[in-house]
């Protein structure tokens, strides 16, 4: 994992921990995530909309990642994607 991604993950962990202990902060985070993330030093690219949803004991959210571009993927990687075996997120390399 690149250093910048590691730092973003660390900051996100700090935000989650704070939201668990500070109801007012959590309310703000859910209402205006882009602003709160920026204040915490998490980079949100211009034009990108952020939505934060809270899991409960009765509701669990899963994120369907953006479909990877077929450009630059080897045939084997495309087969893995179609089989559901490869998860790619922006800035990460396929496994």
PDB file of N, CA and C in Angstrom:
ATOM      1  N   UNK A   1       0.854  -1.182   0.000  1.00  0.00           N
ATOM      2  CA  UNK A   1       0.000   0.000   0.000  1.00  0.00           C
ATOM      3  C   UNK A   1       0.892   1.236   0.000  1.00  0.00           C
ATOM      4  N   UNK A   2       0.596   2.191  -0.855  1.00  0.00           N
ATOM      5  CA  UNK A   2       1.379   3.407  -0.931  1.00  0.00           C
ATOM      6  C   UNK A   2       1.245   4.203   0.361  1.00  0.00           C
ATOM      7  N   UNK A   3       2.261   4.999   0.636  1.00  0.00           N
ATOM      8  CA  UNK A   3       2.271   5.775   1.878  1.00  0.00           C
ATOM      9  C   UNK A   3       1.062   6.709   1.971  1.00  0.00           C
ATOM     10  N   UNK A   4       0.696   7.352   0.861  1.00  0.00           N
ATOM     11  CA  UNK A   4      -0.455   8.259   0.879  1.00  0.00           C
ATOM     12  C   UNK A   4      -1.745   7.509   1.207  1.00  0.00           C
ATOM     13  N   UNK A   5      -1.907   6.303   0.645  1.00  0.00           N
ATOM     14  CA  UNK A   5      -3.096   5.495   0.936  1.00  0.00           C
ATOM     15  C   UNK A   5      -3.103   5.063   2.390  1.00  0.00           C
ATOM     16  N   UNK A   6      -1.952   4.713   2.907  1.00  0.00           N
ATOM     17  CA  UNK A   6      -1.834   4.308   4.302  1.00  0.00           C
ATOM     18  C   UNK A   6      -2.213   5.466   5.225  1.00  0.00           C
ATOM     19  N   UNK A   7      -1.770   6.651   4.876  1.00  0.00           N
ATOM     20  CA  UNK A   7      -2.087   7.837   5.686  1.00  0.00           C
ATOM     21  C   UNK A   7      -3.590   8.131   5.626  1.00  0.00           C
ATOM     22  N   UNK A   8      -4.194   7.995   4.449  1.00  0.00           N
ATOM     23  CA  UNK A   8      -5.637   8.210   4.309  1.00  0.00           C
ATOM     24  C   UNK A   8      -6.399   7.194   5.162  1.00  0.00           C
ATOM     25  N   UNK A   9      -5.953   5.937   5.134  1.00  0.00           N
ATOM     26  CA  UNK A   9      -6.609   4.893   5.938  1.00  0.00           C
ATOM     27  C   UNK A   9      -6.484   5.204   7.420  1.00  0.00           C
ATOM     28  N   UNK A  10      -5.325   5.665   7.832  1.00  0.00           N
ATOM     29  CA  UNK A  10      -5.113   6.021   9.242  1.00  0.00           C
ATOM     30  C   UNK A  10      -6.046   7.164   9.647  1.00  0.00           C
ATOM     31  N   UNK A  11      -6.142   8.160   8.794  1.00  0.00           N
ATOM     32  CA  UNK A  11      -7.029   9.300   9.093  1.00  0.00           C
ATOM     33  C   UNK A  11      -8.483   8.848   9.155  1.00  0.00           C
ATOM     34  N   UNK A  12      -8.880   7.957   8.239  1.00  0.00           N
ATOM     35  CA  UNK A  12     -10.261   7.454   8.265  1.00  0.00           C
ATOM     36  C   UNK A  12     -10.525   6.715   9.566  1.00  0.00           C
ATOM     37  N   UNK A  13      -9.576   5.927  10.030  1.00  0.00           N
ATOM     38  CA  UNK A  13      -9.719   5.224  11.305  1.00  0.00           C
ATOM     39  C   UNK A  13      -9.911   6.191  12.464  1.00  0.00           C
ATOM     40  N   UNK A  14      -9.183   7.294  12.433  1.00  0.00           N
ATOM     41  CA  UNK A  14      -9.324   8.307  13.481  1.00  0.00           C
ATOM     42  C   UNK A  14     -10.705   8.964  13.421  1.00  0.00           C
ATOM     43  N   UNK A  15     -11.202   9.193  12.220  1.00  0.00           N
ATOM     44  CA  UNK A  15     -12.533   9.786  12.048  1.00  0.00           C
ATOM     45  C   UNK A  15     -13.607   8.843  12.591  1.00  0.00           C
ATOM     46  N   UNK A  16     -13.492   7.565  12.259  1.00  0.00           N
ATOM     47  CA  UNK A  16     -14.464   6.575  12.738  1.00  0.00           C
ATOM     48  C   UNK A  16     -14.452   6.518  14.256  1.00  0.00           C
ATOM     49  N   UNK A  17     -13.277   6.467  14.844  1.00  0.00           N
ATOM     50  CA  UNK A  17     -13.157   6.413  16.299  1.00  0.00           C
ATOM     51  C   UNK A  17     -13.790   7.641  16.943  1.00  0.00           C
ATOM     52  N   UNK A  18     -13.538   8.789  16.367  1.00  0.00           N
ATOM     53  CA  UNK A  18     -14.127  10.013  16.919  1.00  0.00           C
ATOM     54  C   UNK A  18     -15.648   9.998  16.783  1.00  0.00           C
ATOM     55  N   UNK A  19     -16.148   9.528  15.631  1.00  0.00           N
ATOM     56  CA  UNK A  19     -17.602   9.481  15.418  1.00  0.00           C
ATOM     57  C   UNK A  19     -18.268   8.554  16.429  1.00  0.00           C
ATOM     58  N   UNK A  20     -17.613   7.452  16.777  1.00  0.00           N
ATOM     59  CA  UNK A  20     -18.171   6.526  17.766  1.00  0.00           C
ATOM     60  C   UNK A  20     -18.303   7.178  19.140  1.00  0.00           C
ATOM     61  N   UNK A  21     -17.409   8.110  19.462  1.00  0.00           N
ATOM     62  CA  UNK A  21     -17.409   8.704  20.794  1.00  0.00           C
ATOM     63  C   UNK A  21     -17.997  10.095  20.884  1.00  0.00           C
ATOM     64  N   UNK A  22     -18.302  10.710  19.741  1.00  0.00           N
ATOM     65  CA  UNK A  22     -18.762  12.097  19.730  1.00  0.00           C
ATOM     66  C   UNK A  22     -20.007  12.213  18.843  1.00  0.00           C
ATOM     67  N   UNK A  23     -21.203  12.139  19.451  1.00  0.00           N
ATOM     68  CA  UNK A  23     -22.443  12.172  18.662  1.00  0.00           C
ATOM     69  C   UNK A  23     -22.595  13.409  17.770  1.00  0.00           C
ATOM     70  N   UNK A  24     -22.142  14.559  18.232  1.00  0.00           N
ATOM     71  CA  UNK A  24     -22.262  15.781  17.423  1.00  0.00           C
ATOM     72  C   UNK A  24     -21.359  15.691  16.189  1.00  0.00           C
ATOM     73  N   UNK A  25     -20.152  15.172  16.370  1.00  0.00           N
ATOM     74  CA  UNK A  25     -19.231  14.991  15.248  1.00  0.00           C
ATOM     75  C   UNK A  25     -19.807  13.979  14.258  1.00  0.00           C
ATOM     76  N   UNK A  26     -20.344  12.883  14.769  1.00  0.00           N
ATOM     77  CA  UNK A  26     -20.940  11.855  13.917  1.00  0.00           C
ATOM     78  C   UNK A  26     -22.087  12.432  13.089  1.00  0.00           C
ATOM     79  N   UNK A  27     -22.931  13.231  13.707  1.00  0.00           N
ATOM     80  CA  UNK A  27     -24.056  13.847  13.003  1.00  0.00           C
ATOM     81  C   UNK A  27     -23.545  14.736  11.876  1.00  0.00           C
ATOM     82  N   UNK A  28     -22.508  15.513  12.158  1.00  0.00           N
ATOM     83  CA  UNK A  28     -21.909  16.384  11.136  1.00  0.00           C
ATOM     84  C   UNK A  28     -21.282  15.567  10.015  1.00  0.00           C
ATOM     85  N   UNK A  29     -20.581  14.481  10.369  1.00  0.00           N
ATOM     86  CA  UNK A  29     -19.940  13.617   9.386  1.00  0.00           C
ATOM     87  C   UNK A  29     -20.969  13.021   8.433  1.00  0.00           C
ATOM     88  N   UNK A  30     -22.086  12.553   8.962  1.00  0.00           N
ATOM     89  CA  UNK A  30     -23.126  11.969   8.134  1.00  0.00           C
ATOM     90  C   UNK A  30     -23.825  13.020   7.262  1.00  0.00           C
ATOM     91  N   UNK A  31     -23.962  14.235   7.775  1.00  0.00           N
ATOM     92  CA  UNK A  31     -24.661  15.299   7.048  1.00  0.00           C
ATOM     93  C   UNK A  31     -23.790  15.974   5.994  1.00  0.00           C
ATOM     94  N   UNK A  32     -22.496  16.118   6.268  1.00  0.00           N
ATOM     95  CA  UNK A  32     -21.597  16.853   5.361  1.00  0.00           C
ATOM     96  C   UNK A  32     -20.231  16.179   5.320  1.00  0.00           C
ATOM     97  N   UNK A  33     -20.172  14.950   4.782  1.00  0.00           N
ATOM     98  CA  UNK A  33     -18.919  14.188   4.842  1.00  0.00           C
ATOM     99  C   UNK A  33     -17.755  14.849   4.119  1.00  0.00           C
ATOM    100  N   UNK A  34     -17.995  15.491   2.993  1.00  0.00           N
ATOM    101  CA  UNK A  34     -16.896  16.104   2.250  1.00  0.00           C
ATOM    102  C   UNK A  34     -16.152  17.142   3.066  1.00  0.00           C
ATOM    103  N   UNK A  35     -16.901  17.995   3.746  1.00  0.00           N
ATOM    104  CA  UNK A  35     -16.292  19.044   4.568  1.00  0.00           C
ATOM    105  C   UNK A  35     -15.543  18.451   5.753  1.00  0.00           C
ATOM    106  N   UNK A  36     -16.163  17.505   6.436  1.00  0.00           N
ATOM    107  CA  UNK A  36     -15.536  16.899   7.616  1.00  0.00           C
ATOM    108  C   UNK A  36     -14.268  16.137   7.215  1.00  0.00           C
ATOM    109  N   UNK A  37     -14.329  15.403   6.122  1.00  0.00           N
ATOM    110  CA  UNK A  37     -13.136  14.675   5.662  1.00  0.00           C
ATOM    111  C   UNK A  37     -12.008  15.638   5.317  1.00  0.00           C
ATOM    112  N   UNK A  38     -12.332  16.714   4.624  1.00  0.00           N
ATOM    113  CA  UNK A  38     -11.318  17.703   4.265  1.00  0.00           C
ATOM    114  C   UNK A  38     -10.685  18.305   5.513  1.00  0.00           C
ATOM    115  N   UNK A  39     -11.511  18.631   6.508  1.00  0.00           N
ATOM    116  CA  UNK A  39     -10.996  19.189   7.769  1.00  0.00           C
ATOM    117  C   UNK A  39     -10.051  18.218   8.458  1.00  0.00           C
ATOM    118  N   UNK A  40     -10.299  16.916   8.281  1.00  0.00           N
ATOM    119  CA  UNK A  40      -9.471  15.897   8.915  1.00  0.00           C
ATOM    120  C   UNK A  40      -8.249  15.530   8.075  1.00  0.00           C
ATOM    121  N   UNK A  41      -8.083  16.189   6.934  1.00  0.00           N
ATOM    122  CA  UNK A  41      -6.915  15.933   6.104  1.00  0.00           C
ATOM    123  C   UNK A  41      -7.070  14.791   5.120  1.00  0.00           C
ATOM    124  N   UNK A  42      -8.315  14.338   4.899  1.00  0.00           N
ATOM    125  CA  UNK A  42      -8.569  13.275   3.927  1.00  0.00           C
ATOM    126  C   UNK A  42      -8.857  13.936   2.580  1.00  0.00           C
ATOM    127  N   UNK A  43      -8.122  13.534   1.569  1.00  0.00           N
ATOM    128  CA  UNK A  43      -8.259  14.121   0.249  1.00  0.00           C
ATOM    129  C   UNK A  43      -9.507  13.596  -0.456  1.00  0.00           C
ATOM    130  N   UNK A  44     -10.345  14.513  -0.893  1.00  0.00           N
ATOM    131  CA  UNK A  44     -11.507  14.182  -1.712  1.00  0.00           C
ATOM    132  C   UNK A  44     -11.323  14.961  -3.013  1.00  0.00           C
ATOM    133  N   UNK A  45     -11.136  14.261  -4.132  1.00  0.00           N
ATOM    134  CA  UNK A  45     -10.899  14.963  -5.398  1.00  0.00           C
ATOM    135  C   UNK A  45     -12.063  15.893  -5.753  1.00  0.00           C
ATOM    136  N   UNK A  46     -11.763  17.008  -6.425  1.00  0.00           N
ATOM    137  CA  UNK A  46     -12.821  17.935  -6.839  1.00  0.00           C
ATOM    138  C   UNK A  46     -13.858  17.207  -7.692  1.00  0.00           C
ATOM    139  N   UNK A  47     -15.114  17.513  -7.451  1.00  0.00           N
ATOM    140  CA  UNK A  47     -16.193  16.928  -8.221  1.00  0.00           C
ATOM    141  C   UNK A  47     -16.640  15.555  -7.747  1.00  0.00           C
ATOM    142  N   UNK A  48     -15.968  15.016  -6.724  1.00  0.00           N
ATOM    143  CA  UNK A  48     -16.336  13.697  -6.199  1.00  0.00           C
ATOM    144  C   UNK A  48     -17.300  13.882  -5.041  1.00  0.00           C
ATOM    145  N   UNK A  49     -18.402  13.173  -5.085  1.00  0.00           N
ATOM    146  CA  UNK A  49     -19.412  13.217  -4.032  1.00  0.00           C
ATOM    147  C   UNK A  49     -19.156  12.062  -3.065  1.00  0.00           C
ATOM    148  N   UNK A  50     -19.206  12.347  -1.781  1.00  0.00           N
ATOM    149  CA  UNK A  50     -18.979  11.328  -0.758  1.00  0.00           C
ATOM    150  C   UNK A  50     -20.270  11.084  -0.003  1.00  0.00           C
ATOM    151  N   UNK A  51     -20.604   9.814   0.181  1.00  0.00           N
ATOM    152  CA  UNK A  51     -21.760   9.436   0.993  1.00  0.00           C
ATOM    153  C   UNK A  51     -21.277   8.472   2.060  1.00  0.00           C
ATOM    154  N   UNK A  52     -21.670   8.710   3.283  1.00  0.00           N
ATOM    155  CA  UNK A  52     -21.322   7.827   4.386  1.00  0.00           C
ATOM    156  C   UNK A  52     -22.613   7.242   4.924  1.00  0.00           C
ATOM    157  N   UNK A  53     -22.642   5.931   5.018  1.00  0.00           N
ATOM    158  CA  UNK A  53     -23.802   5.235   5.555  1.00  0.00           C
ATOM    159  C   UNK A  53     -23.351   4.436   6.767  1.00  0.00           C
ATOM    160  N   UNK A  54     -24.183   4.421   7.759  1.00  0.00           N
ATOM    161  CA  UNK A  54     -23.841   3.751   9.011  1.00  0.00           C
ATOM    162  C   UNK A  54     -24.464   2.361   9.066  1.00  0.00           C
ATOM    163  N   UNK A  55     -23.624   1.357   9.343  1.00  0.00           N
ATOM    164  CA  UNK A  55     -24.134   0.011   9.578  1.00  0.00           C
ATOM    165  C   UNK A  55     -24.773  -0.043  10.962  1.00  0.00           C
ATOM    166  N   UNK A  56     -25.761  -0.907  11.105  1.00  0.00           N
ATOM    167  CA  UNK A  56     -26.391  -1.143  12.400  1.00  0.00           C
ATOM    168  C   UNK A  56     -26.415  -2.646  12.634  1.00  0.00           C
ATOM    169  N   UNK A  57     -27.012  -3.070  13.735  1.00  0.00           N
ATOM    170  CA  UNK A  57     -27.119  -4.503  13.984  1.00  0.00           C
ATOM    171  C   UNK A  57     -28.140  -5.156  13.048  1.00  0.00           C
ATOM    172  N   UNK A  58     -28.924  -4.351  12.339  1.00  0.00           N
ATOM    173  CA  UNK A  58     -29.961  -4.870  11.434  1.00  0.00           C
ATOM    174  C   UNK A  58     -29.712  -4.527   9.961  1.00  0.00           C
ATOM    175  N   UNK A  59     -28.748  -3.631   9.697  1.00  0.00           N
ATOM    176  CA  UNK A  59     -28.465  -3.213   8.321  1.00  0.00           C
ATOM    177  C   UNK A  59     -26.961  -3.204   8.101  1.00  0.00           C
ATOM    178  N   UNK A  60     -26.540  -3.858   7.015  1.00  0.00           N
ATOM    179  CA  UNK A  60     -25.129  -3.921   6.658  1.00  0.00           C
ATOM    180  C   UNK A  60     -24.993  -3.475   5.215  1.00  0.00           C
ATOM    181  N   UNK A  61     -24.155  -2.484   4.963  1.00  0.00           N
ATOM    182  CA  UNK A  61     -23.973  -1.946   3.620  1.00  0.00           C
ATOM    183  C   UNK A  61     -22.753  -2.578   2.958  1.00  0.00           C
ATOM    184  N   UNK A  62     -22.879  -2.897   1.698  1.00  0.00           N
ATOM    185  CA  UNK A  62     -21.762  -3.346   0.879  1.00  0.00           C
ATOM    186  C   UNK A  62     -21.612  -2.368  -0.271  1.00  0.00           C
ATOM    187  N   UNK A  63     -20.384  -2.094  -0.645  1.00  0.00           N
ATOM    188  CA  UNK A  63     -20.127  -1.180  -1.743  1.00  0.00           C
ATOM    189  C   UNK A  63     -19.773  -1.975  -2.986  1.00  0.00           C
ATOM    190  N   UNK A  64     -20.455  -1.690  -4.055  1.00  0.00           N
ATOM    191  CA  UNK A  64     -20.133  -2.273  -5.343  1.00  0.00           C
ATOM    192  C   UNK A  64     -19.107  -1.351  -5.990  1.00  0.00           C
ATOM    193  N   UNK A  65     -17.846  -1.784  -6.101  1.00  0.00           N
ATOM    194  CA  UNK A  65     -16.817  -0.909  -6.666  1.00  0.00           C
ATOM    195  C   UNK A  65     -17.099  -0.581  -8.126  1.00  0.00           C
ATOM    196  N   UNK A  66     -16.534   0.532  -8.553  1.00  0.00           N
ATOM    197  CA  UNK A  66     -16.634   0.938  -9.944  1.00  0.00           C
ATOM    198  C   UNK A  66     -16.002  -0.136 -10.811  1.00  0.00           C
ATOM    199  N   UNK A  67     -16.625  -0.427 -11.937  1.00  0.00           N
ATOM    200  CA  UNK A  67     -16.092  -1.426 -12.855  1.00  0.00           C
ATOM    201  C   UNK A  67     -14.738  -0.950 -13.372  1.00  0.00           C
ATOM    202  N   UNK A  68     -13.716  -1.817 -13.303  1.00  0.00           N
ATOM    203  CA  UNK A  68     -12.396  -1.396 -13.777  1.00  0.00           C
ATOM    204  C   UNK A  68     -12.386  -1.253 -15.294  1.00  0.00           C
ATOM    205  N   UNK A  69     -11.554  -0.375 -15.751  1.00  0.00           N
ATOM    206  CA  UNK A  69     -11.381  -0.191 -17.182  1.00  0.00           C
ATOM    207  C   UNK A  69     -10.695  -1.421 -17.749  1.00  0.00           C
ATOM    208  N   UNK A  70     -11.112  -1.846 -18.915  1.00  0.00           N
ATOM    209  CA  UNK A  70     -10.461  -2.999 -19.537  1.00  0.00           C
ATOM    210  C   UNK A  70      -9.118  -2.609 -20.132  1.00  0.00           C
ATOM    211  N   UNK A  71      -8.868  -1.318 -20.262  1.00  0.00           N
ATOM    212  CA  UNK A  71      -7.585  -0.874 -20.775  1.00  0.00           C
ATOM    213  C   UNK A  71      -6.505  -1.160 -19.746  1.00  0.00           C
ATOM    214  N   UNK A  72      -5.458  -1.789 -20.156  1.00  0.00           N
ATOM    215  CA  UNK A  72      -4.338  -2.052 -19.263  1.00  0.00           C
ATOM    216  C   UNK A  72      -4.466  -3.332 -18.463  1.00  0.00           C
ATOM    217  N   UNK A  73      -5.588  -4.025 -18.545  1.00  0.00           N
ATOM    218  CA  UNK A  73      -5.728  -5.295 -17.847  1.00  0.00           C
ATOM    219  C   UNK A  73      -5.349  -6.436 -18.780  1.00  0.00           C
ATOM    220  N   UNK A  74      -4.578  -7.361 -18.261  1.00  0.00           N
ATOM    221  CA  UNK A  74      -4.210  -8.540 -19.029  1.00  0.00           C
ATOM    222  C   UNK A  74      -5.427  -9.456 -19.134  1.00  0.00           C
ATOM    223  N   UNK A  75      -5.416 -10.362 -20.098  1.00  0.00           N
ATOM    224  CA  UNK A  75      -6.527 -11.291 -20.298  1.00  0.00           C
ATOM    225  C   UNK A  75      -6.832 -12.067 -19.012  1.00  0.00           C
ATOM    226  N   UNK A  76      -5.806 -12.505 -18.313  1.00  0.00           N
ATOM    227  CA  UNK A  76      -5.995 -13.257 -17.062  1.00  0.00           C
ATOM    228  C   UNK A  76      -6.702 -12.402 -16.013  1.00  0.00           C
ATOM    229  N   UNK A  77      -6.333 -11.118 -15.932  1.00  0.00           N
ATOM    230  CA  UNK A  77      -6.973 -10.221 -14.975  1.00  0.00           C
ATOM    231  C   UNK A  77      -8.440 -10.004 -15.332  1.00  0.00           C
ATOM    232  N   UNK A  78      -8.738  -9.877 -16.621  1.00  0.00           N
ATOM    233  CA  UNK A  78     -10.133  -9.725 -17.048  1.00  0.00           C
ATOM    234  C   UNK A  78     -10.954 -10.943 -16.658  1.00  0.00           C
ATOM    235  N   UNK A  79     -10.372 -12.141 -16.784  1.00  0.00           N
ATOM    236  CA  UNK A  79     -11.072 -13.358 -16.380  1.00  0.00           C
ATOM    237  C   UNK A  79     -11.348 -13.349 -14.887  1.00  0.00           C
ATOM    238  N   UNK A  80     -10.377 -12.866 -14.096  1.00  0.00           N
ATOM    239  CA  UNK A  80     -10.564 -12.794 -12.651  1.00  0.00           C
ATOM    240  C   UNK A  80     -11.675 -11.816 -12.298  1.00  0.00           C
ATOM    241  N   UNK A  81     -11.721 -10.683 -12.984  1.00  0.00           N
ATOM    242  CA  UNK A  81     -12.762  -9.692 -12.736  1.00  0.00           C
ATOM    243  C   UNK A  81     -14.124 -10.301 -13.026  1.00  0.00           C
ATOM    244  N   UNK A  82     -14.248 -10.964 -14.164  1.00  0.00           N
ATOM    245  CA  UNK A  82     -15.544 -11.523 -14.537  1.00  0.00           C
ATOM    246  C   UNK A  82     -15.955 -12.643 -13.593  1.00  0.00           C
ATOM    247  N   UNK A  83     -14.991 -13.291 -12.957  1.00  0.00           N
ATOM    248  CA  UNK A  83     -15.292 -14.351 -11.998  1.00  0.00           C
ATOM    249  C   UNK A  83     -15.511 -13.810 -10.597  1.00  0.00           C
ATOM    250  N   UNK A  84     -15.320 -12.505 -10.422  1.00  0.00           N
ATOM    251  CA  UNK A  84     -15.507 -11.893  -9.112  1.00  0.00           C
ATOM    252  C   UNK A  84     -14.325 -12.073  -8.181  1.00  0.00           C
ATOM    253  N   UNK A  85     -13.196 -12.518  -8.721  1.00  0.00           N
ATOM    254  CA  UNK A  85     -12.042 -12.811  -7.876  1.00  0.00           C
ATOM    255  C   UNK A  85     -11.113 -11.625  -7.712  1.00  0.00           C
ATOM    256  N   UNK A  86     -11.293 -10.593  -8.493  1.00  0.00           N
ATOM    257  CA  UNK A  86     -10.378  -9.464  -8.451  1.00  0.00           C
ATOM    258  C   UNK A  86     -11.128  -8.215  -8.041  1.00  0.00           C
ATOM    259  N   UNK A  87     -10.667  -7.602  -6.968  1.00  0.00           N
ATOM    260  CA  UNK A  87     -11.266  -6.353  -6.519  1.00  0.00           C
ATOM    261  C   UNK A  87     -10.238  -5.264  -6.717  1.00  0.00           C
ATOM    262  N   UNK A  88     -10.586  -4.251  -7.491  1.00  0.00           N
ATOM    263  CA  UNK A  88      -9.667  -3.144  -7.733  1.00  0.00           C
ATOM    264  C   UNK A  88     -10.277  -1.873  -7.192  1.00  0.00           C
ATOM    265  N   UNK A  89      -9.506  -1.132  -6.473  1.00  0.00           N
ATOM    266  CA  UNK A  89      -9.910   0.160  -5.985  1.00  0.00           C
ATOM    267  C   UNK A  89      -8.919   1.175  -6.539  1.00  0.00           C
ATOM    268  N   UNK A  90      -9.353   2.380  -6.669  1.00  0.00           N
ATOM    269  CA  UNK A  90      -8.489   3.409  -7.211  1.00  0.00           C
ATOM    270  C   UNK A  90      -7.179   3.448  -6.430  1.00  0.00           C
ATOM    271  N   UNK A  91      -6.093   3.415  -7.157  1.00  0.00           N
ATOM    272  CA  UNK A  91      -4.786   3.493  -6.528  1.00  0.00           C
ATOM    273  C   UNK A  91      -4.233   2.163  -6.077  1.00  0.00           C
ATOM    274  N   UNK A  92      -4.942   1.070  -6.250  1.00  0.00           N
ATOM    275  CA  UNK A  92      -4.416  -0.228  -5.847  1.00  0.00           C
ATOM    276  C   UNK A  92      -4.151  -1.071  -7.071  1.00  0.00           C
ATOM    277  N   UNK A  93      -3.278  -2.022  -6.913  1.00  0.00           N
ATOM    278  CA  UNK A  93      -2.952  -2.924  -8.007  1.00  0.00           C
ATOM    279  C   UNK A  93      -3.713  -4.226  -7.815  1.00  0.00           C
ATOM    280  N   UNK A  94      -4.039  -4.903  -8.895  1.00  0.00           N
ATOM    281  CA  UNK A  94      -4.725  -6.190  -8.757  1.00  0.00           C
ATOM    282  C   UNK A  94      -3.839  -7.205  -8.064  1.00  0.00           C
ATOM    283  N   UNK A  95      -4.462  -8.143  -7.364  1.00  0.00           N
ATOM    284  CA  UNK A  95      -3.708  -9.183  -6.675  1.00  0.00           C
ATOM    285  C   UNK A  95      -3.662 -10.427  -7.504  1.00  0.00           C
TER     286      UNK A  95
END
